[in-house]
Amino acid sequence: MTVETPTTATIDALLDAMEHHIIPMTEKGVAAGNKIFGAALLRKSDLSLVLAETNNETENPLWHGEVHTLKRFYEVNEDKRPDPRELIFLSTHEPCSMCLSAITWAGFDNFYYFFSHEDSRDAFAIPHDLKILKEVFTLEPGGYNAENAFWKSYAIHALIAALPEPDRGRLHARAARIAKKYADLSNQYQSGKGGNSIPLN
């Protein structure tokens, strides 16, 4: 059951997951020296939260928000773990090349992201996603295939911008509050990152 046409309810549920689940975990993660990236899984059927996680690169530089979420997901007993095709994958930031591959290998047919690669570089001073795409894969920003045989990706801000009023204004205001919170967390991370052991900090 693929979410082909995201609804207002879908966007609200994604923002709820960020506000009430990912951000509180990220606050703790940033305090421990980790980056601001996080992710969550929601059921397509009723938009309920299955799992949320955040970046844990101080433990392992591979534990980006998305990969750390997948790690936790596959630690759930198989008989209790939903089929990835029944889930929405939410990433707070557009996934890097490693996370794009991980989402694919894990069997998800979609992902939604809040901040773009350019936001990570320009607003959060973390340019590594775009630099790796350019240096390793010779891709310019936006150069990967956003809809392909494996999955379809959705930019949450673009979905909001396409909505009619009053939903567009309401959700834009919600998104602005979330963005402000991430700006604060980014400032906290940048001011303290000299003390962590993350290779690409």
N, C-alpha and C. Protein backbone atom coordinates (compact mmCIF):
# COMPACT_ATOMS: atom_id res chain seq x y z
N MET A 1 0.85 -1.19 0.00
CA MET A 1 0.00 0.00 0.00
C MET A 1 0.88 1.24 0.00
N THR A 2 1.19 1.76 -1.16
CA THR A 2 2.04 2.92 -1.29
C THR A 2 1.21 4.20 -1.13
N VAL A 3 1.76 5.18 -0.44
CA VAL A 3 1.08 6.47 -0.30
C VAL A 3 1.39 7.26 -1.56
N GLU A 4 0.50 7.23 -2.54
CA GLU A 4 0.76 7.90 -3.81
C GLU A 4 0.42 9.39 -3.74
N THR A 5 -0.64 9.73 -3.04
CA THR A 5 -1.04 11.13 -2.94
C THR A 5 -1.07 11.52 -1.47
N PRO A 6 0.00 12.13 -0.99
CA PRO A 6 0.04 12.51 0.43
C PRO A 6 -1.09 13.47 0.77
N THR A 7 -1.75 13.23 1.88
CA THR A 7 -2.87 14.05 2.31
C THR A 7 -2.42 15.02 3.39
N THR A 8 -3.29 15.94 3.72
CA THR A 8 -3.02 16.85 4.83
C THR A 8 -2.80 16.07 6.12
N ALA A 9 -3.58 15.00 6.30
CA ALA A 9 -3.41 14.17 7.50
C ALA A 9 -2.03 13.54 7.53
N THR A 10 -1.53 13.13 6.37
CA THR A 10 -0.18 12.56 6.32
C THR A 10 0.86 13.57 6.75
N ILE A 11 0.77 14.79 6.24
CA ILE A 11 1.74 15.82 6.58
C ILE A 11 1.65 16.16 8.06
N ASP A 12 0.45 16.28 8.59
CA ASP A 12 0.29 16.54 10.02
C ASP A 12 0.95 15.44 10.85
N ALA A 13 0.75 14.18 10.44
CA ALA A 13 1.33 13.06 11.18
C ALA A 13 2.86 13.10 11.13
N LEU A 14 3.42 13.47 9.99
CA LEU A 14 4.87 13.58 9.87
C LEU A 14 5.42 14.69 10.77
N LEU A 15 4.74 15.82 10.79
CA LEU A 15 5.18 16.92 11.65
C LEU A 15 5.00 16.56 13.12
N ASP A 16 3.93 15.83 13.43
CA ASP A 16 3.74 15.35 14.81
C ASP A 16 4.92 14.47 15.23
N ALA A 17 5.32 13.56 14.33
CA ALA A 17 6.43 12.67 14.65
C ALA A 17 7.71 13.45 14.91
N MET A 18 7.94 14.49 14.13
CA MET A 18 9.12 15.31 14.34
C MET A 18 9.04 16.06 15.67
N GLU A 19 7.92 16.73 15.90
CA GLU A 19 7.77 17.58 17.09
C GLU A 19 7.80 16.78 18.39
N HIS A 20 7.05 15.68 18.41
CA HIS A 20 6.80 14.98 19.67
C HIS A 20 7.70 13.78 19.93
N HIS A 21 8.39 13.32 18.90
CA HIS A 21 9.20 12.11 19.07
C HIS A 21 10.66 12.32 18.66
N ILE A 22 10.89 12.78 17.42
CA ILE A 22 12.27 12.91 16.96
C ILE A 22 13.00 14.04 17.68
N ILE A 23 12.39 15.21 17.77
CA ILE A 23 13.08 16.36 18.37
C ILE A 23 13.48 16.10 19.82
N PRO A 24 12.61 15.55 20.68
CA PRO A 24 13.06 15.27 22.05
C PRO A 24 14.26 14.33 22.11
N MET A 25 14.29 13.33 21.22
CA MET A 25 15.44 12.43 21.18
C MET A 25 16.68 13.15 20.67
N THR A 26 16.48 14.02 19.69
CA THR A 26 17.59 14.76 19.11
C THR A 26 18.18 15.75 20.10
N GLU A 27 17.35 16.33 20.94
CA GLU A 27 17.87 17.22 21.98
C GLU A 27 18.88 16.48 22.86
N LYS A 28 18.54 15.26 23.23
CA LYS A 28 19.47 14.46 24.04
C LYS A 28 20.70 14.07 23.23
N GLY A 29 20.49 13.73 21.96
CA GLY A 29 21.60 13.34 21.12
C GLY A 29 22.59 14.47 20.89
N VAL A 30 22.08 15.66 20.63
CA VAL A 30 22.96 16.82 20.43
C VAL A 30 23.72 17.14 21.71
N ALA A 31 23.06 17.01 22.84
CA ALA A 31 23.74 17.25 24.12
C ALA A 31 24.90 16.28 24.32
N ALA A 32 24.83 15.10 23.69
CA ALA A 32 25.89 14.11 23.78
C ALA A 32 26.92 14.25 22.67
N GLY A 33 26.74 15.25 21.80
CA GLY A 33 27.72 15.51 20.75
C GLY A 33 27.35 15.02 19.38
N ASN A 34 26.10 14.54 19.19
CA ASN A 34 25.68 14.00 17.90
C ASN A 34 25.05 15.08 17.02
N LYS A 35 24.98 14.78 15.73
CA LYS A 35 24.36 15.70 14.78
C LYS A 35 22.84 15.73 14.98
N ILE A 36 22.20 16.61 14.21
CA ILE A 36 20.78 16.91 14.43
C ILE A 36 19.83 16.04 13.61
N PHE A 37 20.34 15.10 12.85
CA PHE A 37 19.49 14.34 11.93
C PHE A 37 18.74 13.21 12.63
N GLY A 38 17.48 13.01 12.25
CA GLY A 38 16.67 11.95 12.84
C GLY A 38 15.72 11.36 11.82
N ALA A 39 14.99 10.34 12.24
CA ALA A 39 14.06 9.66 11.34
C ALA A 39 12.97 8.98 12.14
N ALA A 40 11.91 8.59 11.44
CA ALA A 40 10.81 7.87 12.08
C ALA A 40 10.11 7.00 11.05
N LEU A 41 9.40 5.99 11.54
CA LEU A 41 8.59 5.11 10.72
C LEU A 41 7.15 5.21 11.18
N LEU A 42 6.22 5.38 10.22
CA LEU A 42 4.80 5.46 10.51
C LEU A 42 4.05 4.45 9.65
N ARG A 43 2.96 3.94 10.18
CA ARG A 43 2.13 3.03 9.39
C ARG A 43 1.36 3.81 8.33
N LYS A 44 1.33 3.28 7.12
CA LYS A 44 0.54 3.90 6.06
C LYS A 44 -0.95 3.82 6.38
N SER A 45 -1.34 2.74 7.04
CA SER A 45 -2.76 2.46 7.24
C SER A 45 -3.44 3.48 8.14
N ASP A 46 -2.80 3.86 9.24
CA ASP A 46 -3.43 4.77 10.18
C ASP A 46 -2.52 5.92 10.63
N LEU A 47 -1.34 6.02 10.04
CA LEU A 47 -0.37 7.09 10.33
C LEU A 47 0.14 7.07 11.76
N SER A 48 0.03 5.93 12.43
CA SER A 48 0.55 5.82 13.79
C SER A 48 2.06 5.60 13.75
N LEU A 49 2.71 6.05 14.81
CA LEU A 49 4.17 5.94 14.90
C LEU A 49 4.57 4.51 15.25
N VAL A 50 5.55 3.98 14.53
CA VAL A 50 6.13 2.68 14.84
C VAL A 50 7.43 2.85 15.62
N LEU A 51 8.25 3.80 15.18
CA LEU A 51 9.58 3.95 15.76
C LEU A 51 10.14 5.31 15.39
N ALA A 52 10.86 5.92 16.30
CA ALA A 52 11.60 7.15 16.01
C ALA A 52 13.00 7.01 16.57
N GLU A 53 13.95 7.62 15.91
CA GLU A 53 15.34 7.60 16.38
C GLU A 53 16.05 8.87 15.94
N THR A 54 17.29 8.99 16.37
CA THR A 54 18.09 10.16 16.04
C THR A 54 19.52 9.72 15.78
N ASN A 55 20.31 10.65 15.32
CA ASN A 55 21.71 10.40 15.00
C ASN A 55 22.47 9.92 16.24
N ASN A 56 23.35 8.92 16.05
CA ASN A 56 24.15 8.42 17.15
C ASN A 56 25.59 8.17 16.68
N GLU A 57 26.14 9.15 15.96
CA GLU A 57 27.46 8.99 15.36
C GLU A 57 28.59 8.95 16.38
N THR A 58 28.35 9.43 17.60
CA THR A 58 29.41 9.33 18.60
C THR A 58 29.65 7.89 19.02
N GLU A 59 28.66 7.02 18.82
CA GLU A 59 28.84 5.58 19.07
C GLU A 59 29.45 4.91 17.85
N ASN A 60 28.94 5.27 16.66
CA ASN A 60 29.39 4.65 15.41
C ASN A 60 29.12 5.66 14.30
N PRO A 61 30.13 6.05 13.51
CA PRO A 61 29.92 7.07 12.49
C PRO A 61 28.92 6.67 11.41
N LEU A 62 28.53 5.39 11.37
CA LEU A 62 27.50 4.96 10.43
C LEU A 62 26.09 5.17 10.95
N TRP A 63 25.95 5.50 12.24
CA TRP A 63 24.61 5.62 12.82
C TRP A 63 24.01 7.00 12.54
N HIS A 64 23.89 7.31 11.25
CA HIS A 64 23.10 8.48 10.85
C HIS A 64 21.67 8.25 11.33
N GLY A 65 20.88 9.31 11.35
CA GLY A 65 19.52 9.17 11.87
C GLY A 65 18.75 8.05 11.19
N GLU A 66 18.86 7.97 9.85
CA GLU A 66 18.11 6.96 9.11
C GLU A 66 18.65 5.57 9.39
N VAL A 67 19.96 5.41 9.35
CA VAL A 67 20.54 4.07 9.56
C VAL A 67 20.34 3.61 11.00
N HIS A 68 20.43 4.54 11.94
CA HIS A 68 20.18 4.17 13.33
C HIS A 68 18.73 3.74 13.52
N THR A 69 17.81 4.38 12.83
CA THR A 69 16.40 3.98 12.87
C THR A 69 16.23 2.58 12.29
N LEU A 70 16.88 2.31 11.17
CA LEU A 70 16.80 0.98 10.57
C LEU A 70 17.41 -0.08 11.48
N LYS A 71 18.51 0.26 12.14
CA LYS A 71 19.11 -0.66 13.10
C LYS A 71 18.10 -1.05 14.17
N ARG A 72 17.46 -0.04 14.76
CA ARG A 72 16.46 -0.31 15.80
C ARG A 72 15.27 -1.10 15.25
N PHE A 73 14.86 -0.77 14.03
CA PHE A 73 13.72 -1.44 13.42
C PHE A 73 14.00 -2.93 13.27
N TYR A 74 15.20 -3.28 12.82
CA TYR A 74 15.52 -4.68 12.60
C TYR A 74 15.96 -5.40 13.86
N GLU A 75 16.00 -4.70 14.97
CA GLU A 75 16.18 -5.34 16.27
C GLU A 75 14.85 -5.82 16.84
N VAL A 76 13.73 -5.37 16.25
CA VAL A 76 12.40 -5.83 16.66
C VAL A 76 12.20 -7.26 16.16
N ASN A 77 11.63 -8.10 17.00
CA ASN A 77 11.36 -9.48 16.60
C ASN A 77 10.57 -9.52 15.29
N GLU A 78 10.96 -10.43 14.43
CA GLU A 78 10.38 -10.47 13.09
C GLU A 78 8.86 -10.64 13.12
N ASP A 79 8.36 -11.40 14.10
CA ASP A 79 6.92 -11.62 14.16
C ASP A 79 6.15 -10.38 14.59
N LYS A 80 6.84 -9.38 15.11
CA LYS A 80 6.20 -8.13 15.53
C LYS A 80 6.58 -6.95 14.64
N ARG A 81 7.48 -7.17 13.71
CA ARG A 81 8.00 -6.10 12.88
C ARG A 81 7.17 -5.96 11.61
N PRO A 82 6.62 -4.77 11.33
CA PRO A 82 5.81 -4.59 10.13
C PRO A 82 6.66 -4.75 8.86
N ASP A 83 6.01 -5.07 7.78
CA ASP A 83 6.65 -5.10 6.47
C ASP A 83 7.02 -3.66 6.10
N PRO A 84 8.26 -3.40 5.68
CA PRO A 84 8.63 -2.03 5.31
C PRO A 84 7.71 -1.40 4.27
N ARG A 85 7.14 -2.22 3.40
CA ARG A 85 6.25 -1.68 2.37
C ARG A 85 4.94 -1.16 2.94
N GLU A 86 4.68 -1.48 4.21
CA GLU A 86 3.47 -0.97 4.87
C GLU A 86 3.74 0.32 5.65
N LEU A 87 4.97 0.83 5.54
CA LEU A 87 5.38 1.95 6.37
C LEU A 87 5.79 3.17 5.55
N ILE A 88 5.67 4.32 6.17
CA ILE A 88 6.21 5.57 5.67
C ILE A 88 7.55 5.79 6.35
N PHE A 89 8.55 6.15 5.57
CA PHE A 89 9.87 6.48 6.12
C PHE A 89 10.01 7.99 6.13
N LEU A 90 10.19 8.55 7.31
CA LEU A 90 10.37 10.00 7.48
C LEU A 90 11.81 10.29 7.86
N SER A 91 12.44 11.18 7.12
CA SER A 91 13.79 11.64 7.44
C SER A 91 13.73 13.14 7.67
N THR A 92 14.32 13.60 8.77
CA THR A 92 14.26 15.04 9.03
C THR A 92 15.03 15.81 7.97
N HIS A 93 16.10 15.22 7.46
CA HIS A 93 16.92 15.85 6.43
C HIS A 93 17.04 14.90 5.24
N GLU A 94 17.10 15.43 4.04
CA GLU A 94 17.22 14.62 2.84
C GLU A 94 18.36 13.62 3.02
N PRO A 95 18.11 12.34 2.83
CA PRO A 95 19.12 11.33 3.15
C PRO A 95 20.39 11.46 2.31
N CYS A 96 21.50 11.18 2.96
CA CYS A 96 22.79 11.14 2.26
C CYS A 96 22.84 9.90 1.39
N SER A 97 23.93 9.73 0.64
CA SER A 97 24.04 8.58 -0.27
C SER A 97 24.00 7.25 0.48
N MET A 98 24.63 7.19 1.66
CA MET A 98 24.59 5.96 2.45
C MET A 98 23.16 5.65 2.88
N CYS A 99 22.46 6.66 3.36
CA CYS A 99 21.11 6.45 3.86
C CYS A 99 20.12 6.16 2.73
N LEU A 100 20.33 6.79 1.57
CA LEU A 100 19.51 6.45 0.41
C LEU A 100 19.63 4.97 0.09
N SER A 101 20.86 4.47 0.12
CA SER A 101 21.07 3.05 -0.16
C SER A 101 20.48 2.17 0.93
N ALA A 102 20.64 2.59 2.18
CA ALA A 102 20.12 1.78 3.29
C ALA A 102 18.60 1.67 3.23
N ILE A 103 17.93 2.78 2.94
CA ILE A 103 16.47 2.76 2.81
C ILE A 103 16.06 1.80 1.69
N THR A 104 16.82 1.82 0.61
CA THR A 104 16.54 0.94 -0.53
C THR A 104 16.74 -0.52 -0.16
N TRP A 105 17.90 -0.83 0.41
CA TRP A 105 18.22 -2.22 0.77
C TRP A 105 17.24 -2.75 1.82
N ALA A 106 16.71 -1.87 2.67
CA ALA A 106 15.79 -2.31 3.71
C ALA A 106 14.38 -2.57 3.19
N GLY A 107 14.09 -2.19 1.94
CA GLY A 107 12.82 -2.55 1.34
C GLY A 107 11.72 -1.51 1.42
N PHE A 108 12.07 -0.28 1.76
CA PHE A 108 11.04 0.77 1.81
C PHE A 108 10.76 1.31 0.41
N ASP A 109 9.51 1.63 0.15
CA ASP A 109 9.15 2.11 -1.18
C ASP A 109 8.91 3.62 -1.21
N ASN A 110 9.29 4.31 -0.13
CA ASN A 110 9.07 5.75 -0.06
C ASN A 110 9.98 6.35 0.99
N PHE A 111 10.19 7.64 0.91
CA PHE A 111 10.65 8.41 2.06
C PHE A 111 10.24 9.86 1.89
N TYR A 112 10.03 10.52 3.02
CA TYR A 112 9.69 11.94 3.09
C TYR A 112 10.81 12.65 3.83
N TYR A 113 11.16 13.84 3.40
CA TYR A 113 12.18 14.60 4.11
C TYR A 113 11.74 16.05 4.30
N PHE A 114 12.22 16.64 5.40
CA PHE A 114 11.83 17.99 5.79
C PHE A 114 12.83 19.02 5.28
N PHE A 115 14.11 18.83 5.59
CA PHE A 115 15.17 19.74 5.11
C PHE A 115 15.88 19.11 3.92
N SER A 116 16.31 19.94 2.98
CA SER A 116 17.00 19.46 1.79
C SER A 116 18.50 19.33 2.03
N HIS A 117 19.20 18.72 1.07
CA HIS A 117 20.66 18.67 1.12
C HIS A 117 21.25 20.08 1.19
N GLU A 118 20.65 21.00 0.43
CA GLU A 118 21.14 22.38 0.46
C GLU A 118 20.95 23.01 1.83
N ASP A 119 19.84 22.68 2.50
CA ASP A 119 19.63 23.17 3.86
C ASP A 119 20.73 22.64 4.78
N SER A 120 21.05 21.35 4.65
CA SER A 120 22.10 20.77 5.49
C SER A 120 23.40 21.53 5.30
N ARG A 121 23.71 21.87 4.06
CA ARG A 121 24.96 22.60 3.77
C ARG A 121 24.89 24.06 4.22
N ASP A 122 23.82 24.74 3.85
CA ASP A 122 23.78 26.19 4.01
C ASP A 122 23.27 26.65 5.37
N ALA A 123 22.22 26.01 5.86
CA ALA A 123 21.62 26.42 7.13
C ALA A 123 22.26 25.74 8.33
N PHE A 124 22.82 24.53 8.11
CA PHE A 124 23.33 23.76 9.23
C PHE A 124 24.83 23.52 9.18
N ALA A 125 25.49 24.08 8.17
CA ALA A 125 26.96 23.98 8.05
C ALA A 125 27.46 22.54 8.05
N ILE A 126 26.67 21.64 7.43
CA ILE A 126 27.07 20.24 7.28
C ILE A 126 27.00 19.91 5.79
N PRO A 127 28.12 20.12 5.06
CA PRO A 127 28.11 19.99 3.60
C PRO A 127 28.42 18.60 3.08
N HIS A 128 28.60 17.63 3.97
CA HIS A 128 29.16 16.34 3.56
C HIS A 128 28.27 15.57 2.58
N ASP A 129 26.93 15.67 2.74
CA ASP A 129 26.03 14.94 1.85
C ASP A 129 26.28 15.34 0.39
N LEU A 130 26.27 16.64 0.14
CA LEU A 130 26.46 17.11 -1.23
C LEU A 130 27.89 16.88 -1.70
N LYS A 131 28.85 17.03 -0.81
CA LYS A 131 30.24 16.83 -1.22
C LYS A 131 30.49 15.38 -1.62
N ILE A 132 29.93 14.43 -0.86
CA ILE A 132 30.10 13.02 -1.21
C ILE A 132 29.39 12.70 -2.52
N LEU A 133 28.17 13.21 -2.70
CA LEU A 133 27.46 12.97 -3.95
C LEU A 133 28.26 13.49 -5.14
N LYS A 134 28.92 14.63 -4.96
CA LYS A 134 29.72 15.22 -6.04
C LYS A 134 31.04 14.48 -6.24
N GLU A 135 31.78 14.24 -5.17
CA GLU A 135 33.12 13.67 -5.28
C GLU A 135 33.09 12.18 -5.64
N VAL A 136 32.13 11.45 -5.09
CA VAL A 136 32.10 10.00 -5.30
C VAL A 136 31.23 9.63 -6.50
N PHE A 137 30.08 10.28 -6.63
CA PHE A 137 29.12 9.89 -7.66
C PHE A 137 29.00 10.90 -8.81
N THR A 138 29.73 12.01 -8.73
CA THR A 138 29.71 13.10 -9.72
C THR A 138 28.30 13.64 -9.94
N LEU A 139 27.51 13.70 -8.87
CA LEU A 139 26.15 14.21 -8.96
C LEU A 139 26.07 15.62 -8.41
N GLU A 140 25.38 16.49 -9.12
CA GLU A 140 25.09 17.82 -8.63
C GLU A 140 23.91 17.74 -7.66
N PRO A 141 23.66 18.81 -6.89
CA PRO A 141 22.48 18.79 -5.99
C PRO A 141 21.21 18.41 -6.74
N GLY A 142 20.46 17.49 -6.15
CA GLY A 142 19.24 17.02 -6.79
C GLY A 142 19.48 16.04 -7.92
N GLY A 143 20.70 15.56 -8.07
CA GLY A 143 21.06 14.73 -9.21
C GLY A 143 20.63 13.28 -9.14
N TYR A 144 20.26 12.81 -7.96
CA TYR A 144 19.79 11.42 -7.88
C TYR A 144 18.34 11.34 -8.34
N ASN A 145 17.90 10.15 -8.66
CA ASN A 145 16.56 9.94 -9.21
C ASN A 145 15.54 9.88 -8.08
N ALA A 146 14.76 10.93 -7.90
CA ALA A 146 13.85 11.04 -6.75
C ALA A 146 12.65 10.11 -6.83
N GLU A 147 12.39 9.55 -8.01
CA GLU A 147 11.34 8.53 -8.18
C GLU A 147 11.92 7.48 -9.10
N ASN A 148 11.98 6.24 -8.62
CA ASN A 148 12.64 5.19 -9.37
C ASN A 148 11.96 3.85 -9.12
N ALA A 149 12.56 2.77 -9.56
CA ALA A 149 11.94 1.46 -9.44
C ALA A 149 11.83 0.99 -8.00
N PHE A 150 12.59 1.60 -7.09
CA PHE A 150 12.60 1.18 -5.70
C PHE A 150 11.67 2.02 -4.82
N TRP A 151 11.71 3.34 -4.98
CA TRP A 151 10.95 4.22 -4.09
C TRP A 151 10.63 5.55 -4.74
N LYS A 152 9.73 6.25 -4.10
CA LYS A 152 9.39 7.63 -4.47
C LYS A 152 9.67 8.50 -3.25
N SER A 153 10.29 9.65 -3.47
CA SER A 153 10.60 10.55 -2.37
C SER A 153 9.72 11.78 -2.43
N TYR A 154 9.50 12.38 -1.26
CA TYR A 154 8.62 13.53 -1.13
C TYR A 154 9.30 14.60 -0.27
N ALA A 155 9.36 15.81 -0.78
CA ALA A 155 9.86 16.95 -0.01
C ALA A 155 8.68 17.58 0.73
N ILE A 156 8.70 17.55 2.04
CA ILE A 156 7.55 17.99 2.83
C ILE A 156 7.21 19.44 2.56
N HIS A 157 8.20 20.31 2.44
CA HIS A 157 7.91 21.73 2.18
C HIS A 157 7.21 21.92 0.83
N ALA A 158 7.58 21.13 -0.16
CA ALA A 158 6.92 21.21 -1.47
C ALA A 158 5.47 20.72 -1.38
N LEU A 159 5.24 19.68 -0.58
CA LEU A 159 3.88 19.20 -0.39
C LEU A 159 3.01 20.26 0.27
N ILE A 160 3.58 20.94 1.28
CA ILE A 160 2.83 22.00 1.96
C ILE A 160 2.52 23.14 1.00
N ALA A 161 3.49 23.53 0.20
CA ALA A 161 3.31 24.65 -0.73
C ALA A 161 2.23 24.37 -1.76
N ALA A 162 1.98 23.10 -2.06
CA ALA A 162 0.98 22.74 -3.07
C ALA A 162 -0.43 22.66 -2.51
N LEU A 163 -0.59 22.78 -1.20
CA LEU A 163 -1.91 22.67 -0.58
C LEU A 163 -2.72 23.96 -0.74
N PRO A 164 -4.04 23.86 -0.74
CA PRO A 164 -4.86 25.07 -0.72
C PRO A 164 -4.91 25.64 0.69
N GLU A 165 -5.30 26.90 0.78
CA GLU A 165 -5.56 27.49 2.09
C GLU A 165 -6.87 26.95 2.64
N PRO A 166 -7.05 26.86 3.96
CA PRO A 166 -6.15 27.37 5.00
C PRO A 166 -5.07 26.37 5.43
N ASP A 167 -5.11 25.13 4.87
CA ASP A 167 -4.14 24.13 5.30
C ASP A 167 -2.71 24.56 5.02
N ARG A 168 -2.50 25.22 3.87
CA ARG A 168 -1.14 25.63 3.53
C ARG A 168 -0.57 26.57 4.59
N GLY A 169 -1.32 27.57 4.98
CA GLY A 169 -0.83 28.52 5.98
C GLY A 169 -0.62 27.87 7.33
N ARG A 170 -1.54 27.01 7.72
CA ARG A 170 -1.44 26.35 9.03
C ARG A 170 -0.21 25.46 9.09
N LEU A 171 -0.01 24.65 8.05
CA LEU A 171 1.12 23.74 8.05
C LEU A 171 2.44 24.47 7.83
N HIS A 172 2.40 25.56 7.08
CA HIS A 172 3.61 26.37 6.92
C HIS A 172 4.05 26.92 8.27
N ALA A 173 3.08 27.37 9.09
CA ALA A 173 3.41 27.88 10.42
C ALA A 173 3.99 26.78 11.30
N ARG A 174 3.42 25.58 11.22
CA ARG A 174 3.97 24.44 11.98
C ARG A 174 5.40 24.15 11.54
N ALA A 175 5.60 24.13 10.23
CA ALA A 175 6.93 23.83 9.70
C ALA A 175 7.94 24.89 10.13
N ALA A 176 7.52 26.14 10.18
CA ALA A 176 8.42 27.21 10.59
C ALA A 176 8.84 27.04 12.05
N ARG A 177 7.93 26.61 12.90
CA ARG A 177 8.28 26.39 14.31
C ARG A 177 9.29 25.25 14.44
N ILE A 178 9.09 24.20 13.65
CA ILE A 178 10.02 23.07 13.68
C ILE A 178 11.39 23.51 13.17
N ALA A 179 11.40 24.29 12.09
CA ALA A 179 12.67 24.75 11.54
C ALA A 179 13.43 25.60 12.55
N LYS A 180 12.71 26.43 13.30
CA LYS A 180 13.35 27.26 14.33
C LYS A 180 13.99 26.38 15.40
N LYS A 181 13.30 25.32 15.79
CA LYS A 181 13.86 24.42 16.80
C LYS A 181 15.13 23.77 16.29
N TYR A 182 15.14 23.36 15.02
CA TYR A 182 16.34 22.75 14.46
C TYR A 182 17.47 23.76 14.33
N ALA A 183 17.15 25.01 14.05
CA ALA A 183 18.20 26.04 14.01
C ALA A 183 18.86 26.17 15.37
N ASP A 184 18.06 26.13 16.42
CA ASP A 184 18.62 26.21 17.78
C ASP A 184 19.50 25.00 18.08
N LEU A 185 19.02 23.81 17.70
CA LEU A 185 19.80 22.59 17.94
C LEU A 185 21.09 22.60 17.12
N SER A 186 21.02 23.14 15.91
CA SER A 186 22.21 23.23 15.08
C SER A 186 23.26 24.14 15.71
N ASN A 187 22.82 25.26 16.23
CA ASN A 187 23.76 26.16 16.91
C ASN A 187 24.43 25.46 18.09
N GLN A 188 23.64 24.68 18.81
CA GLN A 188 24.19 23.94 19.95
C GLN A 188 25.21 22.91 19.47
N TYR A 189 24.87 22.17 18.41
CA TYR A 189 25.80 21.18 17.87
C TYR A 189 27.09 21.83 17.39
N GLN A 190 26.95 22.90 16.60
CA GLN A 190 28.14 23.54 16.03
C GLN A 190 29.06 24.11 17.11
N SER A 191 28.48 24.59 18.18
CA SER A 191 29.30 25.18 19.25
C SER A 191 30.05 24.13 20.05
N GLY A 192 29.58 22.87 20.00
CA GLY A 192 30.23 21.85 20.81
C GLY A 192 30.85 20.71 20.04
N LYS A 193 30.82 20.77 18.70
CA LYS A 193 31.26 19.61 17.92
C LYS A 193 32.76 19.34 18.00
N GLY A 194 33.54 20.33 18.43
CA GLY A 194 34.98 20.12 18.54
C GLY A 194 35.35 19.05 19.53
N GLY A 195 34.43 18.73 20.43
CA GLY A 195 34.74 17.72 21.45
C GLY A 195 34.29 16.32 21.10
N ASN A 196 33.66 16.14 19.92
CA ASN A 196 33.21 14.78 19.59
C ASN A 196 34.23 14.07 18.70
N SER A 197 33.98 12.80 18.45
CA SER A 197 34.92 11.98 17.69
C SER A 197 34.37 11.59 16.32
N ILE A 198 33.37 12.32 15.82
CA ILE A 198 32.77 12.01 14.53
C ILE A 198 33.75 12.40 13.41
N PRO A 199 34.10 11.47 12.50
CA PRO A 199 35.09 11.79 11.46
C PRO A 199 34.69 12.98 10.60
N LEU A 200 33.46 13.01 10.10
CA LEU A 200 32.97 14.12 9.28
C LEU A 200 31.97 14.91 10.11
N ASN A 201 32.49 15.78 10.96
CA ASN A 201 31.57 16.52 11.83
C ASN A 201 31.25 17.89 11.29
